[in-house]
Amino acid sequence: MDKAHWPGNWQRLQDKYFTDNPESLVSLAVMAQLEPELWAEARRLGLSIVTEFFGAEMGSELESLHQQGLLGPDNIFNHCTALPDRGWKILREAGVRVNVCPRSDSHYGIESGMFAIEAAQRHGINPGLSVDNETSYSTDMFMEMRVAFYLQRVMGMHQQQCCDSEHALKTLPAAQLLKAATLDGAVCAGLQDKVGSLTPGKQADLVLISVSDLNLYPSGNAFGTVVHAAERSNIDTVMIGGRIVKQNGKVLGVDSARLRAAIDESRKHLFAASGYQPDIFADTFLPLVQAD
């Protein structure tokens, strides 16, 4: 990061890339922790503020931020793990947007390791699903939905059996998970007026799944098929803003060889800069931070 021009270059980036295409799905936002000075600059420019928010560690800060009027609908909080009830009430009152990260929270052992959809819904917040870190496991929203289902199922059943919790969320319906992966995600990103649902006036963003594929056939329920059975390999066609970008299972308009060459060059540079010696069969990695 060019700290010498940070955050001053936000204005430059906004003017150069984000002023002439109001229909674009790519928007500028600011990644900032609980830093009021950076939040103020983001708000001056009308930018959303994205914060990696860990409830047990950072929840005690919310009361003061709320009393100062520093929380609002332009805040997007990722994770929100292990957040006490009072914290959730503040997020709802302030209109903070929330996304939860089923794979990431368990993968990295963030706080309790459990994603926070149950607590969010209990306080009237419908969070979007986030893959959080595509460099660790890919941007596979089918897998994200399934991991969310299985984690919530096992946690809800455990709470019912061991803790006599009558209110434990024991399942996430397939339709609800699909909404979290689509419309609720669009709301979290501030794009709900453009995408997220098949609605007149929104952009034609479509994913067509081949239900005649052997792993999906016969399909008895649309929601169940998409959430519990479909994979990326079942996607036949993708349309973004009315433009077909994948058809007959093939991505269109992308020079794959050139893309892979650029990726390889970038990775080689990063490995060299960090002094990392790649070993494709390594079973341990350094530096390694163990989760508590």
C-alpha atoms as a PDB file:
ATOM      1  CA  MET A   1       0.000   0.000   0.000  1.00  0.00           C
ATOM      2  CA  ASP A   2       1.235   3.486  -0.892  1.00  0.00           C
ATOM      3  CA  LYS A   3       0.994   4.959   2.609  1.00  0.00           C
ATOM      4  CA  ALA A   4       2.440   8.264   1.452  1.00  0.00           C
ATOM      5  CA  HIS A   5      -0.731   8.892  -0.549  1.00  0.00           C
ATOM      6  CA  TRP A   6      -3.207   7.144   1.738  1.00  0.00           C
ATOM      7  CA  PRO A   7      -6.033   8.025   2.077  1.00  0.00           C
ATOM      8  CA  GLY A   8      -5.503  10.959  -0.291  1.00  0.00           C
ATOM      9  CA  ASN A   9      -5.556   8.732  -3.357  1.00  0.00           C
ATOM     10  CA  TRP A  10      -9.146   7.616  -2.695  1.00  0.00           C
ATOM     11  CA  GLN A  11     -10.352  10.780  -4.423  1.00  0.00           C
ATOM     12  CA  ARG A  12      -8.085  10.075  -7.405  1.00  0.00           C
ATOM     13  CA  LEU A  13      -9.326   6.487  -7.733  1.00  0.00           C
ATOM     14  CA  GLN A  14     -12.931   7.593  -7.464  1.00  0.00           C
ATOM     15  CA  ASP A  15     -12.545  10.303 -10.102  1.00  0.00           C
ATOM     16  CA  LYS A  16     -10.595   8.072 -12.490  1.00  0.00           C
ATOM     17  CA  TYR A  17     -12.555   4.833 -12.330  1.00  0.00           C
ATOM     18  CA  PHE A  18     -15.928   5.290 -10.660  1.00  0.00           C
ATOM     19  CA  THR A  19     -17.667   8.417 -11.933  1.00  0.00           C
ATOM     20  CA  ASP A  20     -18.781   7.665 -15.506  1.00  0.00           C
ATOM     21  CA  ASN A  21     -20.529   4.276 -15.262  1.00  0.00           C
ATOM     22  CA  PRO A  22     -23.440   4.277 -12.826  1.00  0.00           C
ATOM     23  CA  GLU A  23     -24.575   0.819 -14.043  1.00  0.00           C
ATOM     24  CA  SER A  24     -21.274  -0.845 -13.159  1.00  0.00           C
ATOM     25  CA  LEU A  25     -21.299  -3.625 -10.578  1.00  0.00           C
ATOM     26  CA  VAL A  26     -17.768  -2.683  -9.520  1.00  0.00           C
ATOM     27  CA  SER A  27     -17.827  -0.021  -6.822  1.00  0.00           C
ATOM     28  CA  LEU A  28     -15.231   1.674  -4.656  1.00  0.00           C
ATOM     29  CA  ALA A  29     -15.259   1.088  -0.925  1.00  0.00           C
ATOM     30  CA  VAL A  30     -12.789   1.653   1.886  1.00  0.00           C
ATOM     31  CA  MET A  31     -11.349  -1.137   4.015  1.00  0.00           C
ATOM     32  CA  ALA A  32     -10.809   0.343   7.466  1.00  0.00           C
ATOM     33  CA  GLN A  33     -10.950  -0.927  11.006  1.00  0.00           C
ATOM     34  CA  LEU A  34     -12.405   1.164  13.865  1.00  0.00           C
ATOM     35  CA  GLU A  35     -10.635   4.290  12.607  1.00  0.00           C
ATOM     36  CA  PRO A  36     -12.928   7.356  12.779  1.00  0.00           C
ATOM     37  CA  GLU A  37     -10.493   9.538  10.820  1.00  0.00           C
ATOM     38  CA  LEU A  38     -10.550   7.174   7.836  1.00  0.00           C
ATOM     39  CA  TRP A  39     -14.307   6.742   8.190  1.00  0.00           C
ATOM     40  CA  ALA A  40     -14.761  10.517   7.998  1.00  0.00           C
ATOM     41  CA  GLU A  41     -12.745  10.724   4.781  1.00  0.00           C
ATOM     42  CA  ALA A  42     -14.711   7.831   3.276  1.00  0.00           C
ATOM     43  CA  ARG A  43     -17.966   9.565   4.139  1.00  0.00           C
ATOM     44  CA  ARG A  44     -16.758  12.820   2.623  1.00  0.00           C
ATOM     45  CA  LEU A  45     -16.380  10.908  -0.640  1.00  0.00           C
ATOM     46  CA  GLY A  46     -19.617   8.955  -0.232  1.00  0.00           C
ATOM     47  CA  LEU A  47     -17.847   5.597   0.011  1.00  0.00           C
ATOM     48  CA  SER A  48     -18.951   2.521   1.914  1.00  0.00           C
ATOM     49  CA  ILE A  49     -16.735   1.455   4.824  1.00  0.00           C
ATOM     50  CA  VAL A  50     -15.823  -2.230   5.117  1.00  0.00           C
ATOM     51  CA  THR A  51     -14.553  -3.471   8.486  1.00  0.00           C
ATOM     52  CA  GLU A  52     -13.260  -6.863   9.562  1.00  0.00           C
ATOM     53  CA  PHE A  53     -15.329  -6.998  12.738  1.00  0.00           C
ATOM     54  CA  PHE A  54     -14.747  -9.627  15.403  1.00  0.00           C
ATOM     55  CA  GLY A  55     -17.417  -9.398  18.077  1.00  0.00           C
ATOM     56  CA  ALA A  56     -15.653 -10.775  21.148  1.00  0.00           C
ATOM     57  CA  GLU A  57     -12.581  -8.649  20.478  1.00  0.00           C
ATOM     58  CA  MET A  58     -14.186  -5.432  19.237  1.00  0.00           C
ATOM     59  CA  GLY A  59     -17.791  -5.473  20.473  1.00  0.00           C
ATOM     60  CA  SER A  60     -17.015  -3.284  23.480  1.00  0.00           C
ATOM     61  CA  GLU A  61     -16.249  -0.387  21.104  1.00  0.00           C
ATOM     62  CA  LEU A  62     -19.726  -0.283  19.596  1.00  0.00           C
ATOM     63  CA  GLU A  63     -21.504   1.621  22.368  1.00  0.00           C
ATOM     64  CA  SER A  64     -19.161   4.592  22.114  1.00  0.00           C
ATOM     65  CA  LEU A  65     -19.216   4.607  18.307  1.00  0.00           C
ATOM     66  CA  HIS A  66     -23.005   4.488  18.333  1.00  0.00           C
ATOM     67  CA  GLN A  67     -23.353   7.286  20.876  1.00  0.00           C
ATOM     68  CA  GLN A  68     -21.076   9.457  18.726  1.00  0.00           C
ATOM     69  CA  GLY A  69     -23.230   8.792  15.674  1.00  0.00           C
ATOM     70  CA  LEU A  70     -20.362   7.094  13.867  1.00  0.00           C
ATOM     71  CA  LEU A  71     -22.247   3.944  12.850  1.00  0.00           C
ATOM     72  CA  GLY A  72     -24.622   3.941   9.904  1.00  0.00           C
ATOM     73  CA  PRO A  73     -25.877   2.215   6.738  1.00  0.00           C
ATOM     74  CA  ASP A  74     -22.591   2.988   4.975  1.00  0.00           C
ATOM     75  CA  ASN A  75     -20.794   0.605   7.366  1.00  0.00           C
ATOM     76  CA  ILE A  76     -20.328  -2.988   6.221  1.00  0.00           C
ATOM     77  CA  PHE A  77     -19.154  -5.357   8.949  1.00  0.00           C
ATOM     78  CA  ASN A  78     -17.637  -8.694   7.961  1.00  0.00           C
ATOM     79  CA  HIS A  79     -17.775 -11.768  10.242  1.00  0.00           C
ATOM     80  CA  CYS A  80     -19.376 -10.361  13.448  1.00  0.00           C
ATOM     81  CA  THR A  81     -18.381 -13.554  15.256  1.00  0.00           C
ATOM     82  CA  ALA A  82     -19.199 -14.035  18.958  1.00  0.00           C
ATOM     83  CA  LEU A  83     -20.905 -10.632  19.215  1.00  0.00           C
ATOM     84  CA  PRO A  84     -23.016 -10.157  22.397  1.00  0.00           C
ATOM     85  CA  ASP A  85     -26.717  -9.352  22.096  1.00  0.00           C
ATOM     86  CA  ARG A  86     -26.227  -5.681  22.912  1.00  0.00           C
ATOM     87  CA  GLY A  87     -23.819  -5.377  20.007  1.00  0.00           C
ATOM     88  CA  TRP A  88     -26.339  -6.856  17.594  1.00  0.00           C
ATOM     89  CA  LYS A  89     -28.997  -4.423  18.826  1.00  0.00           C
ATOM     90  CA  ILE A  90     -26.637  -1.521  18.097  1.00  0.00           C
ATOM     91  CA  LEU A  91     -25.889  -2.799  14.586  1.00  0.00           C
ATOM     92  CA  ARG A  92     -29.598  -3.078  13.861  1.00  0.00           C
ATOM     93  CA  GLU A  93     -30.427   0.359  15.286  1.00  0.00           C
ATOM     94  CA  ALA A  94     -27.625   1.961  13.265  1.00  0.00           C
ATOM     95  CA  GLY A  95     -28.504   0.097  10.054  1.00  0.00           C
ATOM     96  CA  VAL A  96     -25.034  -1.414   9.703  1.00  0.00           C
ATOM     97  CA  ARG A  97     -24.848  -3.925   6.847  1.00  0.00           C
ATOM     98  CA  VAL A  98     -23.534  -7.370   7.782  1.00  0.00           C
ATOM     99  CA  ASN A  99     -22.085 -10.345   5.976  1.00  0.00           C
ATOM    100  CA  VAL A 100     -21.138 -13.684   7.521  1.00  0.00           C
ATOM    101  CA  CYS A 101     -18.376 -16.041   6.444  1.00  0.00           C
ATOM    102  CA  PRO A 102     -19.129 -19.746   7.043  1.00  0.00           C
ATOM    103  CA  ARG A 103     -15.942 -21.196   5.536  1.00  0.00           C
ATOM    104  CA  SER A 104     -13.567 -18.443   6.609  1.00  0.00           C
ATOM    105  CA  ASP A 105     -14.600 -18.345  10.260  1.00  0.00           C
ATOM    106  CA  SER A 106     -14.108 -22.093  10.658  1.00  0.00           C
ATOM    107  CA  HIS A 107     -11.110 -22.319   8.326  1.00  0.00           C
ATOM    108  CA  TYR A 108      -9.122 -19.722  10.268  1.00  0.00           C
ATOM    109  CA  GLY A 109     -10.620 -20.496  13.671  1.00  0.00           C
ATOM    110  CA  ILE A 110     -11.860 -16.925  14.106  1.00  0.00           C
ATOM    111  CA  GLU A 111     -13.003 -16.477  17.707  1.00  0.00           C
ATOM    112  CA  SER A 112     -15.619 -19.227  18.256  1.00  0.00           C
ATOM    113  CA  GLY A 113     -15.083 -20.529  14.717  1.00  0.00           C
ATOM    114  CA  MET A 114     -18.835 -20.379  14.060  1.00  0.00           C
ATOM    115  CA  PHE A 115     -20.397 -17.982  11.575  1.00  0.00           C
ATOM    116  CA  ALA A 116     -22.998 -15.635  13.013  1.00  0.00           C
ATOM    117  CA  ILE A 117     -26.151 -16.083  10.941  1.00  0.00           C
ATOM    118  CA  GLU A 118     -28.244 -17.351  13.880  1.00  0.00           C
ATOM    119  CA  ALA A 119     -27.484 -14.330  16.064  1.00  0.00           C
ATOM    120  CA  ALA A 120     -27.970 -11.938  13.157  1.00  0.00           C
ATOM    121  CA  GLN A 121     -31.390 -13.333  12.266  1.00  0.00           C
ATOM    122  CA  ARG A 122     -32.459 -13.392  15.901  1.00  0.00           C
ATOM    123  CA  HIS A 123     -31.907  -9.622  15.948  1.00  0.00           C
ATOM    124  CA  GLY A 124     -33.720  -8.934  12.684  1.00  0.00           C
ATOM    125  CA  ILE A 125     -30.687  -8.742  10.402  1.00  0.00           C
ATOM    126  CA  ASN A 126     -30.487 -10.815   7.199  1.00  0.00           C
ATOM    127  CA  PRO A 127     -26.778 -11.034   6.415  1.00  0.00           C
ATOM    128  CA  GLY A 128     -25.313 -11.883   3.049  1.00  0.00           C
ATOM    129  CA  LEU A 129     -22.931 -14.788   2.627  1.00  0.00           C
ATOM    130  CA  SER A 130     -19.295 -13.910   1.992  1.00  0.00           C
ATOM    131  CA  VAL A 131     -16.462 -16.144   0.763  1.00  0.00           C
ATOM    132  CA  ASP A 132     -14.127 -13.641   2.505  1.00  0.00           C
ATOM    133  CA  ASN A 133     -10.797 -14.921   1.176  1.00  0.00           C
ATOM    134  CA  GLU A 134     -10.771 -16.484  -2.275  1.00  0.00           C
ATOM    135  CA  THR A 135      -7.024 -17.122  -2.166  1.00  0.00           C
ATOM    136  CA  SER A 136      -7.543 -19.809   0.483  1.00  0.00           C
ATOM    137  CA  TYR A 137     -10.327 -21.905  -1.029  1.00  0.00           C
ATOM    138  CA  SER A 138     -11.986 -20.294  -4.104  1.00  0.00           C
ATOM    139  CA  THR A 139     -15.081 -18.190  -4.681  1.00  0.00           C
ATOM    140  CA  ASP A 140     -17.497 -21.114  -4.725  1.00  0.00           C
ATOM    141  CA  MET A 141     -20.874 -19.888  -3.494  1.00  0.00           C
ATOM    142  CA  PHE A 142     -22.400 -23.352  -3.866  1.00  0.00           C
ATOM    143  CA  MET A 143     -19.887 -24.639  -1.329  1.00  0.00           C
ATOM    144  CA  GLU A 144     -20.480 -21.595   0.887  1.00  0.00           C
ATOM    145  CA  MET A 145     -24.179 -22.364   1.082  1.00  0.00           C
ATOM    146  CA  ARG A 146     -23.582 -26.027   1.892  1.00  0.00           C
ATOM    147  CA  VAL A 147     -20.977 -25.318   4.560  1.00  0.00           C
ATOM    148  CA  ALA A 148     -23.418 -22.824   6.111  1.00  0.00           C
ATOM    149  CA  PHE A 149     -26.141 -25.459   6.163  1.00  0.00           C
ATOM    150  CA  TYR A 150     -23.994 -28.198   7.712  1.00  0.00           C
ATOM    151  CA  LEU A 151     -22.339 -25.966  10.303  1.00  0.00           C
ATOM    152  CA  GLN A 152     -25.675 -24.570  11.463  1.00  0.00           C
ATOM    153  CA  ARG A 153     -27.254 -28.015  11.500  1.00  0.00           C
ATOM    154  CA  VAL A 154     -24.559 -29.572  13.697  1.00  0.00           C
ATOM    155  CA  MET A 155     -24.330 -26.560  16.011  1.00  0.00           C
ATOM    156  CA  GLY A 156     -28.107 -26.325  16.422  1.00  0.00           C
ATOM    157  CA  MET A 157     -28.455 -30.029  17.160  1.00  0.00           C
ATOM    158  CA  HIS A 158     -25.554 -29.867  19.602  1.00  0.00           C
ATOM    159  CA  GLN A 159     -27.103 -26.943  21.478  1.00  0.00           C
ATOM    160  CA  GLN A 160     -30.430 -28.740  21.662  1.00  0.00           C
ATOM    161  CA  GLN A 161     -28.937 -32.009  22.918  1.00  0.00           C
ATOM    162  CA  CYS A 162     -26.312 -30.738  25.347  1.00  0.00           C
ATOM    163  CA  CYS A 163     -27.779 -27.446  26.515  1.00  0.00           C
ATOM    164  CA  ASP A 164     -31.551 -28.022  26.363  1.00  0.00           C
ATOM    165  CA  SER A 165     -31.820 -25.006  24.090  1.00  0.00           C
ATOM    166  CA  GLU A 166     -35.351 -24.929  22.703  1.00  0.00           C
ATOM    167  CA  HIS A 167     -34.556 -21.915  20.542  1.00  0.00           C
ATOM    168  CA  ALA A 168     -31.445 -23.272  18.807  1.00  0.00           C
ATOM    169  CA  LEU A 169     -31.538 -22.771  15.048  1.00  0.00           C
ATOM    170  CA  LYS A 170     -31.357 -26.394  13.891  1.00  0.00           C
ATOM    171  CA  THR A 171     -31.625 -25.818  10.157  1.00  0.00           C
ATOM    172  CA  LEU A 172     -31.360 -23.199   7.451  1.00  0.00           C
ATOM    173  CA  PRO A 173     -34.002 -23.718   4.733  1.00  0.00           C
ATOM    174  CA  ALA A 174     -32.622 -23.987   1.211  1.00  0.00           C
ATOM    175  CA  ALA A 175     -34.650 -21.001  -0.019  1.00  0.00           C
ATOM    176  CA  GLN A 176     -33.296 -18.871   2.812  1.00  0.00           C
ATOM    177  CA  LEU A 177     -29.702 -19.882   2.056  1.00  0.00           C
ATOM    178  CA  LEU A 178     -30.152 -19.060  -1.625  1.00  0.00           C
ATOM    179  CA  LYS A 179     -31.504 -15.631  -0.657  1.00  0.00           C
ATOM    180  CA  ALA A 180     -28.479 -15.074   1.611  1.00  0.00           C
ATOM    181  CA  ALA A 181     -26.204 -15.905  -1.331  1.00  0.00           C
ATOM    182  CA  THR A 182     -28.043 -13.623  -3.770  1.00  0.00           C
ATOM    183  CA  LEU A 183     -30.370 -10.826  -2.656  1.00  0.00           C
ATOM    184  CA  ASP A 184     -29.024 -10.453   0.890  1.00  0.00           C
ATOM    185  CA  GLY A 185     -25.511 -10.316  -0.531  1.00  0.00           C
ATOM    186  CA  ALA A 186     -26.578  -7.629  -2.982  1.00  0.00           C
ATOM    187  CA  VAL A 187     -28.101  -5.604  -0.128  1.00  0.00           C
ATOM    188  CA  CYS A 188     -24.878  -5.892   1.847  1.00  0.00           C
ATOM    189  CA  ALA A 189     -22.912  -4.647  -1.164  1.00  0.00           C
ATOM    190  CA  GLY A 190     -25.363  -1.795  -1.790  1.00  0.00           C
ATOM    191  CA  LEU A 191     -26.333  -3.244  -5.190  1.00  0.00           C
ATOM    192  CA  GLN A 192     -29.891  -4.351  -4.398  1.00  0.00           C
ATOM    193  CA  ASP A 193     -31.361  -1.866  -6.901  1.00  0.00           C
ATOM    194  CA  LYS A 194     -29.266  -3.406  -9.704  1.00  0.00           C
ATOM    195  CA  VAL A 195     -28.937  -7.136  -9.001  1.00  0.00           C
ATOM    196  CA  GLY A 196     -29.773  -9.885  -6.536  1.00  0.00           C
ATOM    197  CA  SER A 197     -33.195 -10.907  -7.815  1.00  0.00           C
ATOM    198  CA  LEU A 198     -35.085 -11.368 -11.083  1.00  0.00           C
ATOM    199  CA  THR A 199     -37.013  -8.110 -10.946  1.00  0.00           C
ATOM    200  CA  PRO A 200     -38.168  -5.747 -13.746  1.00  0.00           C
ATOM    201  CA  GLY A 201     -35.803  -2.783 -13.892  1.00  0.00           C
ATOM    202  CA  LYS A 202     -32.778  -4.632 -12.515  1.00  0.00           C
ATOM    203  CA  GLN A 203     -29.881  -5.829 -14.624  1.00  0.00           C
ATOM    204  CA  ALA A 204     -30.265  -9.226 -16.288  1.00  0.00           C
ATOM    205  CA  ASP A 205     -27.817 -11.189 -14.149  1.00  0.00           C
ATOM    206  CA  LEU A 206     -28.588 -14.867 -14.641  1.00  0.00           C
ATOM    207  CA  VAL A 207     -26.981 -18.227 -13.921  1.00  0.00           C
ATOM    208  CA  LEU A 208     -28.442 -21.154 -15.864  1.00  0.00           C
ATOM    209  CA  ILE A 209     -27.842 -24.581 -14.332  1.00  0.00           C
ATOM    210  CA  SER A 210     -28.074 -27.765 -16.380  1.00  0.00           C
ATOM    211  CA  VAL A 211     -30.445 -29.921 -14.333  1.00  0.00           C
ATOM    212  CA  SER A 212     -30.123 -32.702 -16.905  1.00  0.00           C
ATOM    213  CA  ASP A 213     -26.566 -33.341 -15.651  1.00  0.00           C
ATOM    214  CA  LEU A 214     -26.304 -36.756 -14.046  1.00  0.00           C
ATOM    215  CA  ASN A 215     -25.515 -35.442 -10.534  1.00  0.00           C
ATOM    216  CA  LEU A 216     -28.682 -33.293 -10.554  1.00  0.00           C
ATOM    217  CA  TYR A 217     -31.112 -35.559 -12.375  1.00  0.00           C
ATOM    218  CA  PRO A 218     -33.956 -35.902 -11.584  1.00  0.00           C
ATOM    219  CA  SER A 219     -34.531 -32.611  -9.825  1.00  0.00           C
ATOM    220  CA  GLY A 220     -37.431 -32.539  -7.382  1.00  0.00           C
ATOM    221  CA  ASN A 221     -37.078 -29.039  -5.936  1.00  0.00           C
ATOM    222  CA  ALA A 222     -35.407 -25.962  -7.402  1.00  0.00           C
ATOM    223  CA  PHE A 223     -34.097 -24.560  -4.109  1.00  0.00           C
ATOM    224  CA  GLY A 224     -32.833 -27.908  -2.878  1.00  0.00           C
ATOM    225  CA  THR A 225     -31.145 -28.672  -6.195  1.00  0.00           C
ATOM    226  CA  VAL A 226     -29.241 -25.388  -6.262  1.00  0.00           C
ATOM    227  CA  VAL A 227     -28.254 -25.317  -2.588  1.00  0.00           C
ATOM    228  CA  HIS A 228     -27.642 -28.979  -1.772  1.00  0.00           C
ATOM    229  CA  ALA A 229     -26.585 -30.588  -5.044  1.00  0.00           C
ATOM    230  CA  ALA A 230     -25.392 -28.153  -7.726  1.00  0.00           C
ATOM    231  CA  GLU A 231     -21.719 -27.449  -8.386  1.00  0.00           C
ATOM    232  CA  ARG A 232     -19.889 -24.906 -10.520  1.00  0.00           C
ATOM    233  CA  SER A 233     -19.481 -27.596 -13.201  1.00  0.00           C
ATOM    234  CA  ASN A 234     -23.284 -27.620 -13.624  1.00  0.00           C
ATOM    235  CA  ILE A 235     -23.365 -23.982 -14.745  1.00  0.00           C
ATOM    236  CA  ASP A 236     -24.169 -23.887 -18.439  1.00  0.00           C
ATOM    237  CA  THR A 237     -24.700 -20.161 -19.034  1.00  0.00           C
ATOM    238  CA  VAL A 238     -23.937 -16.932 -17.189  1.00  0.00           C
ATOM    239  CA  MET A 239     -25.360 -13.537 -18.131  1.00  0.00           C
ATOM    240  CA  ILE A 240     -24.092 -10.305 -16.545  1.00  0.00           C
ATOM    241  CA  GLY A 241     -25.991  -7.117 -17.260  1.00  0.00           C
ATOM    242  CA  GLY A 242     -27.667  -8.778 -20.215  1.00  0.00           C
ATOM    243  CA  ARG A 243     -24.356  -9.886 -21.738  1.00  0.00           C
ATOM    244  CA  ILE A 244     -23.593 -13.600 -22.048  1.00  0.00           C
ATOM    245  CA  VAL A 245     -20.163 -14.288 -20.558  1.00  0.00           C
ATOM    246  CA  LYS A 246     -20.409 -18.079 -20.348  1.00  0.00           C
ATOM    247  CA  GLN A 247     -22.239 -20.380 -22.716  1.00  0.00           C
ATOM    248  CA  ASN A 248     -22.359 -24.150 -23.114  1.00  0.00           C
ATOM    249  CA  GLY A 249     -20.064 -24.402 -20.097  1.00  0.00           C
ATOM    250  CA  LYS A 250     -17.352 -22.238 -21.704  1.00  0.00           C
ATOM    251  CA  VAL A 251     -16.241 -18.778 -20.538  1.00  0.00           C
ATOM    252  CA  LEU A 252     -16.389 -16.278 -23.402  1.00  0.00           C
ATOM    253  CA  GLY A 253     -14.097 -13.356 -24.200  1.00  0.00           C
ATOM    254  CA  VAL A 254     -11.235 -14.402 -21.912  1.00  0.00           C
ATOM    255  CA  ASP A 255      -7.739 -15.278 -23.133  1.00  0.00           C
ATOM    256  CA  SER A 256      -7.142 -18.093 -20.633  1.00  0.00           C
ATOM    257  CA  ALA A 257      -3.511 -18.615 -21.626  1.00  0.00           C
ATOM    258  CA  ARG A 258      -2.703 -14.936 -21.136  1.00  0.00           C
ATOM    259  CA  LEU A 259      -4.593 -14.858 -17.834  1.00  0.00           C
ATOM    260  CA  ARG A 260      -2.735 -17.881 -16.470  1.00  0.00           C
ATOM    261  CA  ALA A 261       0.604 -16.414 -17.564  1.00  0.00           C
ATOM    262  CA  ALA A 262      -0.159 -13.194 -15.673  1.00  0.00           C
ATOM    263  CA  ILE A 263      -1.181 -15.171 -12.588  1.00  0.00           C
ATOM    264  CA  ASP A 264       2.004 -17.240 -12.687  1.00  0.00           C
ATOM    265  CA  GLU A 265       4.137 -14.109 -13.063  1.00  0.00           C
ATOM    266  CA  SER A 266       2.408 -12.422 -10.141  1.00  0.00           C
ATOM    267  CA  ARG A 267       2.772 -15.468  -7.891  1.00  0.00           C
ATOM    268  CA  LYS A 268       6.441 -15.852  -8.789  1.00  0.00           C
ATOM    269  CA  HIS A 269       7.045 -12.211  -7.851  1.00  0.00           C
ATOM    270  CA  LEU A 270       5.229 -12.552  -4.521  1.00  0.00           C
ATOM    271  CA  PHE A 271       7.079 -15.743  -3.601  1.00  0.00           C
ATOM    272  CA  ALA A 272      10.424 -14.136  -4.425  1.00  0.00           C
ATOM    273  CA  ALA A 273       9.598 -10.958  -2.502  1.00  0.00           C
ATOM    274  CA  SER A 274       8.640 -12.940   0.607  1.00  0.00           C
ATOM    275  CA  GLY A 275      11.477 -15.446   0.372  1.00  0.00           C
ATOM    276  CA  TYR A 276       9.054 -18.342   0.129  1.00  0.00           C
ATOM    277  CA  GLN A 277      10.238 -21.563  -1.499  1.00  0.00           C
ATOM    278  CA  PRO A 278       7.223 -23.299  -3.047  1.00  0.00           C
ATOM    279  CA  ASP A 279       6.741 -27.006  -2.398  1.00  0.00           C
ATOM    280  CA  ILE A 280       3.627 -28.431  -4.011  1.00  0.00           C
ATOM    281  CA  PHE A 281       3.650 -31.446  -1.672  1.00  0.00           C
ATOM    282  CA  ALA A 282       4.275 -29.511   1.548  1.00  0.00           C
ATOM    283  CA  ASP A 283       2.154 -30.616   4.489  1.00  0.00           C
ATOM    284  CA  THR A 284       3.075 -27.680   6.738  1.00  0.00           C
ATOM    285  CA  PHE A 285       3.401 -23.994   6.010  1.00  0.00           C
ATOM    286  CA  LEU A 286       5.402 -21.195   7.596  1.00  0.00           C
ATOM    287  CA  PRO A 287       4.651 -18.843   9.149  1.00  0.00           C
ATOM    288  CA  LEU A 288       1.842 -20.805  10.748  1.00  0.00           C
ATOM    289  CA  VAL A 289      -0.464 -19.243  13.339  1.00  0.00           C
ATOM    290  CA  GLN A 290      -2.332 -21.813  15.368  1.00  0.00           C
ATOM    291  CA  ALA A 291      -5.917 -21.031  16.276  1.00  0.00           C
ATOM    292  CA  ASP A 292      -6.596 -21.026  20.003  1.00  0.00           C
END
